[in-house]
């Protein structure tokens, strides 16, 4: 265990824990957009920057990546931090002016208007990489990735064609902080508009509800070695028909 201070409060934490993790557990709010508990930290958005002092020297670091250490002093609201955070939010808001989560964060920093004109007023992707990383690290199919450079940077499937390995699980949409990934379930079909793919949904044999893409269920059966009939029921019906646990 190591001892450190965050905004003057003393904490004890295990070695290897990040500043962001310790701050969250201690009830100290550090804004972050590219961080998710299910995915390895990446440090893309830079909104979680904090000022640290160690061995008499201070500097700015990304709290989602920086591991705690003995005697570390952290400031989450110093003028240097707030100035940098404002600058990052101004750039993100200039890229995605219609995204509510950015508008709300900007207002807390006193930013009421994007300083630069947006190239695309409807743009919602902040290039945080959460969708690509969950697809690779958690799902394990790598159906999408960040492609191109500079102002042409974007998320897309290989060759920007309909993905042949996407399983329609919607994990990308679940972790997206801005709602940029658009998924629509209509009848027995799921459409992921961003990746130009459609999937047939499995129908529950008990209640008749369409509950998951067949491609996703086939992938899980194969990966986990489950029997063919394992996903005949939706989750709600599986719970209803499950045998009660004997005391």
C-alpha atoms as a PDB file:
ATOM      1  CA  UNK A   1       0.000   0.000   0.000  1.00  0.00           C
ATOM      2  CA  UNK A   2       1.121   3.547  -0.700  1.00  0.00           C
ATOM      3  CA  UNK A   3       0.009   6.844   0.817  1.00  0.00           C
ATOM      4  CA  UNK A   4      -0.845   9.886  -1.286  1.00  0.00           C
ATOM      5  CA  UNK A   5      -2.861  13.081  -1.181  1.00  0.00           C
ATOM      6  CA  UNK A   6      -5.543  14.141  -3.672  1.00  0.00           C
ATOM      7  CA  UNK A   7      -6.813  17.711  -3.259  1.00  0.00           C
ATOM      8  CA  UNK A   8      -5.424  17.695   0.270  1.00  0.00           C
ATOM      9  CA  UNK A   9      -7.176  14.478   1.313  1.00  0.00           C
ATOM     10  CA  UNK A  10      -5.036  11.523   2.384  1.00  0.00           C
ATOM     11  CA  UNK A  11      -5.574   8.148   0.738  1.00  0.00           C
ATOM     12  CA  UNK A  12      -4.107   4.687   0.868  1.00  0.00           C
ATOM     13  CA  UNK A  13      -4.046   2.655  -2.325  1.00  0.00           C
ATOM     14  CA  UNK A  14      -2.558  -0.493  -3.752  1.00  0.00           C
ATOM     15  CA  UNK A  15       0.510  -0.140  -5.929  1.00  0.00           C
ATOM     16  CA  UNK A  16      -0.458  -0.162  -9.594  1.00  0.00           C
ATOM     17  CA  UNK A  17      -3.766   1.641  -9.065  1.00  0.00           C
ATOM     18  CA  UNK A  18      -4.181   4.801 -11.112  1.00  0.00           C
ATOM     19  CA  UNK A  19      -4.895   8.273  -9.787  1.00  0.00           C
ATOM     20  CA  UNK A  20      -8.295   8.224 -11.487  1.00  0.00           C
ATOM     21  CA  UNK A  21      -9.257   4.934  -9.818  1.00  0.00           C
ATOM     22  CA  UNK A  22      -8.247   6.144  -6.360  1.00  0.00           C
ATOM     23  CA  UNK A  23     -10.008   9.484  -6.835  1.00  0.00           C
ATOM     24  CA  UNK A  24     -13.241   7.763  -7.909  1.00  0.00           C
ATOM     25  CA  UNK A  25     -13.188   5.465  -4.882  1.00  0.00           C
ATOM     26  CA  UNK A  26     -12.623   8.498  -2.671  1.00  0.00           C
ATOM     27  CA  UNK A  27     -15.541  10.447  -4.114  1.00  0.00           C
ATOM     28  CA  UNK A  28     -13.377  12.981  -5.968  1.00  0.00           C
ATOM     29  CA  UNK A  29     -14.689  13.694  -9.440  1.00  0.00           C
ATOM     30  CA  UNK A  30     -12.226  13.846 -12.332  1.00  0.00           C
ATOM     31  CA  UNK A  31     -13.932  14.220 -15.734  1.00  0.00           C
ATOM     32  CA  UNK A  32     -13.060  11.573 -18.321  1.00  0.00           C
ATOM     33  CA  UNK A  33     -14.562  10.534 -21.649  1.00  0.00           C
ATOM     34  CA  UNK A  34     -12.298   7.768 -22.957  1.00  0.00           C
ATOM     35  CA  UNK A  35     -12.178   5.685 -19.754  1.00  0.00           C
ATOM     36  CA  UNK A  36     -14.280   2.577 -19.071  1.00  0.00           C
ATOM     37  CA  UNK A  37     -13.915  -0.057 -16.335  1.00  0.00           C
ATOM     38  CA  UNK A  38     -14.085  -2.945 -18.835  1.00  0.00           C
ATOM     39  CA  UNK A  39     -11.280  -1.614 -21.043  1.00  0.00           C
ATOM     40  CA  UNK A  40      -7.603  -0.870 -20.492  1.00  0.00           C
ATOM     41  CA  UNK A  41      -6.875   2.864 -19.982  1.00  0.00           C
ATOM     42  CA  UNK A  42      -5.769   4.701 -23.087  1.00  0.00           C
ATOM     43  CA  UNK A  43      -5.442   8.403 -22.308  1.00  0.00           C
ATOM     44  CA  UNK A  44      -7.027   9.649 -25.519  1.00  0.00           C
ATOM     45  CA  UNK A  45      -9.345  12.470 -24.427  1.00  0.00           C
ATOM     46  CA  UNK A  46      -6.917  14.252 -22.057  1.00  0.00           C
ATOM     47  CA  UNK A  47      -9.780  15.693 -20.014  1.00  0.00           C
ATOM     48  CA  UNK A  48      -8.675  13.711 -16.949  1.00  0.00           C
ATOM     49  CA  UNK A  49      -5.346  15.565 -16.685  1.00  0.00           C
ATOM     50  CA  UNK A  50      -4.253  16.440 -13.148  1.00  0.00           C
ATOM     51  CA  UNK A  51      -1.257  18.193 -11.612  1.00  0.00           C
ATOM     52  CA  UNK A  52       1.075  16.064  -9.508  1.00  0.00           C
ATOM     53  CA  UNK A  53       3.945  16.949  -7.220  1.00  0.00           C
ATOM     54  CA  UNK A  54       6.577  14.336  -6.488  1.00  0.00           C
ATOM     55  CA  UNK A  55      10.122  14.792  -5.203  1.00  0.00           C
ATOM     56  CA  UNK A  56       9.576  18.546  -5.203  1.00  0.00           C
ATOM     57  CA  UNK A  57       8.658  18.754  -8.899  1.00  0.00           C
ATOM     58  CA  UNK A  58       5.210  19.357 -10.359  1.00  0.00           C
ATOM     59  CA  UNK A  59       3.858  18.390 -13.765  1.00  0.00           C
ATOM     60  CA  UNK A  60       0.655  17.542 -15.599  1.00  0.00           C
ATOM     61  CA  UNK A  61      -0.237  13.874 -16.199  1.00  0.00           C
ATOM     62  CA  UNK A  62      -3.210  11.826 -17.373  1.00  0.00           C
ATOM     63  CA  UNK A  63      -4.870  10.476 -14.245  1.00  0.00           C
ATOM     64  CA  UNK A  64      -6.282   7.402 -16.021  1.00  0.00           C
ATOM     65  CA  UNK A  65      -2.752   6.186 -16.832  1.00  0.00           C
ATOM     66  CA  UNK A  66      -0.539   7.460 -14.026  1.00  0.00           C
ATOM     67  CA  UNK A  67       0.037   4.918 -11.209  1.00  0.00           C
ATOM     68  CA  UNK A  68      -0.004   6.121  -7.620  1.00  0.00           C
ATOM     69  CA  UNK A  69       3.230   6.237  -5.651  1.00  0.00           C
ATOM     70  CA  UNK A  70       4.324   6.918  -2.105  1.00  0.00           C
ATOM     71  CA  UNK A  71       4.106  10.585  -1.114  1.00  0.00           C
ATOM     72  CA  UNK A  72       2.402  11.682  -4.331  1.00  0.00           C
ATOM     73  CA  UNK A  73       0.408  14.918  -4.133  1.00  0.00           C
ATOM     74  CA  UNK A  74      -2.350  15.419  -6.688  1.00  0.00           C
ATOM     75  CA  UNK A  75      -4.364  18.509  -7.553  1.00  0.00           C
ATOM     76  CA  UNK A  76      -7.433  18.013  -9.701  1.00  0.00           C
ATOM     77  CA  UNK A  77      -8.566  21.659  -9.758  1.00  0.00           C
ATOM     78  CA  UNK A  78      -5.384  23.720 -10.009  1.00  0.00           C
ATOM     79  CA  UNK A  79      -5.309  26.641 -12.450  1.00  0.00           C
ATOM     80  CA  UNK A  80      -2.958  24.725 -14.758  1.00  0.00           C
ATOM     81  CA  UNK A  81      -5.367  21.787 -14.819  1.00  0.00           C
ATOM     82  CA  UNK A  82      -8.435  23.924 -15.403  1.00  0.00           C
ATOM     83  CA  UNK A  83      -6.751  25.894 -18.181  1.00  0.00           C
ATOM     84  CA  UNK A  84      -5.728  22.695 -19.972  1.00  0.00           C
ATOM     85  CA  UNK A  85      -9.172  21.164 -19.455  1.00  0.00           C
ATOM     86  CA  UNK A  86     -10.833  24.243 -20.936  1.00  0.00           C
ATOM     87  CA  UNK A  87      -8.581  24.062 -23.962  1.00  0.00           C
ATOM     88  CA  UNK A  88      -9.368  20.388 -24.574  1.00  0.00           C
ATOM     89  CA  UNK A  89     -13.102  20.953 -24.197  1.00  0.00           C
ATOM     90  CA  UNK A  90     -13.001  23.902 -26.586  1.00  0.00           C
ATOM     91  CA  UNK A  91     -11.372  21.714 -29.234  1.00  0.00           C
ATOM     92  CA  UNK A  92     -13.804  18.837 -28.680  1.00  0.00           C
ATOM     93  CA  UNK A  93     -16.778  21.194 -28.763  1.00  0.00           C
ATOM     94  CA  UNK A  94     -15.460  22.721 -31.984  1.00  0.00           C
ATOM     95  CA  UNK A  95     -15.356  19.246 -33.498  1.00  0.00           C
ATOM     96  CA  UNK A  96     -18.701  18.046 -32.101  1.00  0.00           C
ATOM     97  CA  UNK A  97     -20.800  21.145 -31.280  1.00  0.00           C
ATOM     98  CA  UNK A  98     -24.117  19.264 -31.016  1.00  0.00           C
ATOM     99  CA  UNK A  99     -23.018  16.612 -28.487  1.00  0.00           C
ATOM    100  CA  UNK A 100     -24.846  17.231 -25.202  1.00  0.00           C
ATOM    101  CA  UNK A 101     -22.278  15.636 -22.903  1.00  0.00           C
ATOM    102  CA  UNK A 102     -19.645  18.021 -24.280  1.00  0.00           C
ATOM    103  CA  UNK A 103     -21.996  20.996 -24.021  1.00  0.00           C
ATOM    104  CA  UNK A 104     -22.706  20.152 -20.370  1.00  0.00           C
ATOM    105  CA  UNK A 105     -19.024  19.671 -19.508  1.00  0.00           C
ATOM    106  CA  UNK A 106     -18.131  22.901 -21.299  1.00  0.00           C
ATOM    107  CA  UNK A 107     -20.740  24.872 -19.345  1.00  0.00           C
ATOM    108  CA  UNK A 108     -19.224  23.751 -16.040  1.00  0.00           C
ATOM    109  CA  UNK A 109     -15.952  25.276 -17.264  1.00  0.00           C
ATOM    110  CA  UNK A 110     -17.599  28.544 -18.326  1.00  0.00           C
ATOM    111  CA  UNK A 111     -17.457  27.724 -22.044  1.00  0.00           C
ATOM    112  CA  UNK A 112     -20.660  28.742 -23.798  1.00  0.00           C
ATOM    113  CA  UNK A 113     -19.556  28.626 -27.428  1.00  0.00           C
ATOM    114  CA  UNK A 114     -17.094  26.649 -29.519  1.00  0.00           C
ATOM    115  CA  UNK A 115     -14.144  28.876 -30.503  1.00  0.00           C
ATOM    116  CA  UNK A 116     -13.799  27.340 -33.957  1.00  0.00           C
ATOM    117  CA  UNK A 117     -16.294  26.517 -36.691  1.00  0.00           C
ATOM    118  CA  UNK A 118     -17.108  22.830 -37.017  1.00  0.00           C
ATOM    119  CA  UNK A 119     -16.231  21.037 -40.236  1.00  0.00           C
ATOM    120  CA  UNK A 120     -19.379  18.958 -39.764  1.00  0.00           C
ATOM    121  CA  UNK A 121     -22.069  20.296 -37.414  1.00  0.00           C
ATOM    122  CA  UNK A 122     -23.531  16.793 -37.023  1.00  0.00           C
ATOM    123  CA  UNK A 123     -20.250  15.114 -36.048  1.00  0.00           C
ATOM    124  CA  UNK A 124     -20.563  13.139 -32.786  1.00  0.00           C
ATOM    125  CA  UNK A 125     -17.388  11.040 -32.680  1.00  0.00           C
ATOM    126  CA  UNK A 126     -14.603  12.435 -30.487  1.00  0.00           C
ATOM    127  CA  UNK A 127     -12.133   9.688 -31.552  1.00  0.00           C
ATOM    128  CA  UNK A 128     -11.785   8.378 -27.988  1.00  0.00           C
ATOM    129  CA  UNK A 129     -11.284   4.846 -29.314  1.00  0.00           C
ATOM    130  CA  UNK A 130     -13.571   3.182 -26.765  1.00  0.00           C
ATOM    131  CA  UNK A 131     -15.581   1.429 -29.484  1.00  0.00           C
ATOM    132  CA  UNK A 132     -12.517   0.007 -31.231  1.00  0.00           C
ATOM    133  CA  UNK A 133     -10.931  -1.099 -27.980  1.00  0.00           C
ATOM    134  CA  UNK A 134     -14.020  -2.855 -26.596  1.00  0.00           C
ATOM    135  CA  UNK A 135     -14.383  -4.663 -29.934  1.00  0.00           C
ATOM    136  CA  UNK A 136     -10.789  -5.861 -29.730  1.00  0.00           C
ATOM    137  CA  UNK A 137     -10.169  -6.342 -25.996  1.00  0.00           C
ATOM    138  CA  UNK A 138     -13.561  -7.540 -24.740  1.00  0.00           C
ATOM    139  CA  UNK A 139     -15.467  -8.957 -27.722  1.00  0.00           C
ATOM    140  CA  UNK A 140     -12.358 -10.224 -29.491  1.00  0.00           C
ATOM    141  CA  UNK A 141     -13.285  -9.665 -33.140  1.00  0.00           C
ATOM    142  CA  UNK A 142     -11.620  -6.329 -34.077  1.00  0.00           C
ATOM    143  CA  UNK A 143     -14.351  -5.405 -36.553  1.00  0.00           C
ATOM    144  CA  UNK A 144     -13.499  -1.677 -36.463  1.00  0.00           C
ATOM    145  CA  UNK A 145     -10.439   0.494 -35.970  1.00  0.00           C
ATOM    146  CA  UNK A 146      -9.188   4.068 -36.106  1.00  0.00           C
ATOM    147  CA  UNK A 147      -8.080   4.823 -39.655  1.00  0.00           C
ATOM    148  CA  UNK A 148      -6.322   7.692 -41.488  1.00  0.00           C
ATOM    149  CA  UNK A 149      -4.547  10.613 -39.813  1.00  0.00           C
ATOM    150  CA  UNK A 150      -5.001  14.227 -38.816  1.00  0.00           C
ATOM    151  CA  UNK A 151      -8.328  15.792 -39.735  1.00  0.00           C
ATOM    152  CA  UNK A 152      -9.226  12.665 -41.745  1.00  0.00           C
ATOM    153  CA  UNK A 153      -9.034  10.423 -38.658  1.00  0.00           C
ATOM    154  CA  UNK A 154     -12.175   8.330 -38.082  1.00  0.00           C
ATOM    155  CA  UNK A 155     -13.520   4.979 -36.922  1.00  0.00           C
ATOM    156  CA  UNK A 156     -14.364   2.499 -39.660  1.00  0.00           C
ATOM    157  CA  UNK A 157     -14.378  -1.188 -40.609  1.00  0.00           C
ATOM    158  CA  UNK A 158     -11.552  -2.438 -42.875  1.00  0.00           C
ATOM    159  CA  UNK A 159     -11.526  -0.678 -46.259  1.00  0.00           C
ATOM    160  CA  UNK A 160     -14.654   1.199 -45.057  1.00  0.00           C
ATOM    161  CA  UNK A 161     -16.797  -1.627 -46.427  1.00  0.00           C
ATOM    162  CA  UNK A 162     -19.474  -3.640 -44.611  1.00  0.00           C
ATOM    163  CA  UNK A 163     -17.663  -5.562 -41.876  1.00  0.00           C
ATOM    164  CA  UNK A 164     -17.428  -9.314 -42.382  1.00  0.00           C
ATOM    165  CA  UNK A 165     -16.455 -10.072 -38.769  1.00  0.00           C
ATOM    166  CA  UNK A 166     -18.831  -7.824 -36.811  1.00  0.00           C
ATOM    167  CA  UNK A 167     -21.271  -9.916 -34.752  1.00  0.00           C
ATOM    168  CA  UNK A 168     -23.756  -7.131 -34.036  1.00  0.00           C
ATOM    169  CA  UNK A 169     -23.304  -7.259 -30.262  1.00  0.00           C
ATOM    170  CA  UNK A 170     -23.653  -3.455 -29.884  1.00  0.00           C
ATOM    171  CA  UNK A 171     -20.787  -3.239 -27.394  1.00  0.00           C
ATOM    172  CA  UNK A 172     -19.440  -0.311 -29.403  1.00  0.00           C
ATOM    173  CA  UNK A 173     -22.658   1.619 -28.858  1.00  0.00           C
ATOM    174  CA  UNK A 174     -22.843   0.742 -25.150  1.00  0.00           C
ATOM    175  CA  UNK A 175     -19.410   2.240 -24.384  1.00  0.00           C
ATOM    176  CA  UNK A 176     -19.623   5.253 -26.711  1.00  0.00           C
ATOM    177  CA  UNK A 177     -19.718   8.380 -24.487  1.00  0.00           C
ATOM    178  CA  UNK A 178     -21.376  10.623 -27.079  1.00  0.00           C
ATOM    179  CA  UNK A 179     -23.951   8.387 -28.786  1.00  0.00           C
ATOM    180  CA  UNK A 180     -22.039   8.453 -32.067  1.00  0.00           C
ATOM    181  CA  UNK A 181     -22.660   4.760 -32.839  1.00  0.00           C
ATOM    182  CA  UNK A 182     -26.164   4.397 -34.240  1.00  0.00           C
ATOM    183  CA  UNK A 183     -27.931   1.057 -33.797  1.00  0.00           C
ATOM    184  CA  UNK A 184     -31.537   0.331 -34.695  1.00  0.00           C
ATOM    185  CA  UNK A 185     -33.597  -2.786 -33.950  1.00  0.00           C
ATOM    186  CA  UNK A 186     -36.713  -3.076 -36.105  1.00  0.00           C
ATOM    187  CA  UNK A 187     -38.678  -6.338 -36.104  1.00  0.00           C
ATOM    188  CA  UNK A 188     -36.246  -9.205 -36.580  1.00  0.00           C
ATOM    189  CA  UNK A 189     -33.369  -7.052 -37.871  1.00  0.00           C
ATOM    190  CA  UNK A 190     -30.621  -5.051 -36.195  1.00  0.00           C
ATOM    191  CA  UNK A 191     -28.876  -2.373 -38.252  1.00  0.00           C
ATOM    192  CA  UNK A 192     -25.600  -0.769 -37.226  1.00  0.00           C
ATOM    193  CA  UNK A 193     -25.538   2.236 -39.503  1.00  0.00           C
ATOM    194  CA  UNK A 194     -21.939   3.260 -38.821  1.00  0.00           C
ATOM    195  CA  UNK A 195     -20.493  -0.084 -39.963  1.00  0.00           C
ATOM    196  CA  UNK A 196     -23.036  -0.656 -42.767  1.00  0.00           C
ATOM    197  CA  UNK A 197     -24.175  -4.041 -41.418  1.00  0.00           C
ATOM    198  CA  UNK A 198     -27.488  -5.791 -40.745  1.00  0.00           C
ATOM    199  CA  UNK A 199     -28.172  -8.825 -38.548  1.00  0.00           C
ATOM    200  CA  UNK A 200     -31.083 -11.176 -38.070  1.00  0.00           C
ATOM    201  CA  UNK A 201     -32.219 -11.312 -34.461  1.00  0.00           C
ATOM    202  CA  UNK A 202     -32.909 -14.535 -32.597  1.00  0.00           C
ATOM    203  CA  UNK A 203     -36.528 -15.065 -31.524  1.00  0.00           C
ATOM    204  CA  UNK A 204     -37.195 -16.431 -28.043  1.00  0.00           C
ATOM    205  CA  UNK A 205     -39.059 -19.752 -28.227  1.00  0.00           C
ATOM    206  CA  UNK A 206     -41.029 -18.941 -25.082  1.00  0.00           C
ATOM    207  CA  UNK A 207     -42.157 -15.318 -25.374  1.00  0.00           C
ATOM    208  CA  UNK A 208     -41.481 -14.648 -29.054  1.00  0.00           C
ATOM    209  CA  UNK A 209     -39.338 -11.564 -28.407  1.00  0.00           C
ATOM    210  CA  UNK A 210     -36.355 -10.870 -30.657  1.00  0.00           C
ATOM    211  CA  UNK A 211     -33.484 -10.549 -28.226  1.00  0.00           C
ATOM    212  CA  UNK A 212     -30.007 -10.835 -29.800  1.00  0.00           C
ATOM    213  CA  UNK A 213     -28.274 -11.149 -33.175  1.00  0.00           C
ATOM    214  CA  UNK A 214     -27.949 -14.746 -34.321  1.00  0.00           C
ATOM    215  CA  UNK A 215     -24.346 -14.018 -35.315  1.00  0.00           C
ATOM    216  CA  UNK A 216     -23.522 -12.967 -31.745  1.00  0.00           C
ATOM    217  CA  UNK A 217     -25.108 -16.088 -30.254  1.00  0.00           C
ATOM    218  CA  UNK A 218     -23.272 -18.329 -32.737  1.00  0.00           C
ATOM    219  CA  UNK A 219     -20.005 -16.607 -31.825  1.00  0.00           C
ATOM    220  CA  UNK A 220     -20.605 -17.093 -28.087  1.00  0.00           C
ATOM    221  CA  UNK A 221     -21.552 -20.756 -28.550  1.00  0.00           C
ATOM    222  CA  UNK A 222     -18.402 -21.429 -30.522  1.00  0.00           C
ATOM    223  CA  UNK A 223     -16.113 -19.411 -28.248  1.00  0.00           C
ATOM    224  CA  UNK A 224     -17.479 -20.846 -24.989  1.00  0.00           C
ATOM    225  CA  UNK A 225     -18.202 -24.355 -26.253  1.00  0.00           C
ATOM    226  CA  UNK A 226     -21.922 -24.174 -25.449  1.00  0.00           C
ATOM    227  CA  UNK A 227     -24.548 -26.629 -26.758  1.00  0.00           C
ATOM    228  CA  UNK A 228     -26.648 -25.729 -29.808  1.00  0.00           C
ATOM    229  CA  UNK A 229     -29.828 -25.198 -27.775  1.00  0.00           C
ATOM    230  CA  UNK A 230     -28.219 -22.928 -25.167  1.00  0.00           C
ATOM    231  CA  UNK A 231     -29.686 -19.663 -26.517  1.00  0.00           C
ATOM    232  CA  UNK A 232     -33.211 -20.751 -27.386  1.00  0.00           C
ATOM    233  CA  UNK A 233     -34.654 -18.465 -24.689  1.00  0.00           C
ATOM    234  CA  UNK A 234     -34.149 -14.765 -23.967  1.00  0.00           C
ATOM    235  CA  UNK A 235     -32.585 -13.759 -20.650  1.00  0.00           C
ATOM    236  CA  UNK A 236     -35.935 -13.015 -18.982  1.00  0.00           C
ATOM    237  CA  UNK A 237     -37.401 -16.394 -19.913  1.00  0.00           C
ATOM    238  CA  UNK A 238     -34.184 -18.165 -18.895  1.00  0.00           C
ATOM    239  CA  UNK A 239     -34.520 -16.628 -15.433  1.00  0.00           C
ATOM    240  CA  UNK A 240     -38.184 -17.606 -15.194  1.00  0.00           C
ATOM    241  CA  UNK A 241     -37.525 -21.232 -16.146  1.00  0.00           C
ATOM    242  CA  UNK A 242     -34.367 -21.651 -14.083  1.00  0.00           C
ATOM    243  CA  UNK A 243     -34.613 -24.147 -11.249  1.00  0.00           C
ATOM    244  CA  UNK A 244     -34.548 -22.531  -7.779  1.00  0.00           C
ATOM    245  CA  UNK A 245     -31.326 -22.979  -5.875  1.00  0.00           C
ATOM    246  CA  UNK A 246     -31.721 -25.595  -3.158  1.00  0.00           C
ATOM    247  CA  UNK A 247     -30.775 -24.433   0.358  1.00  0.00           C
END
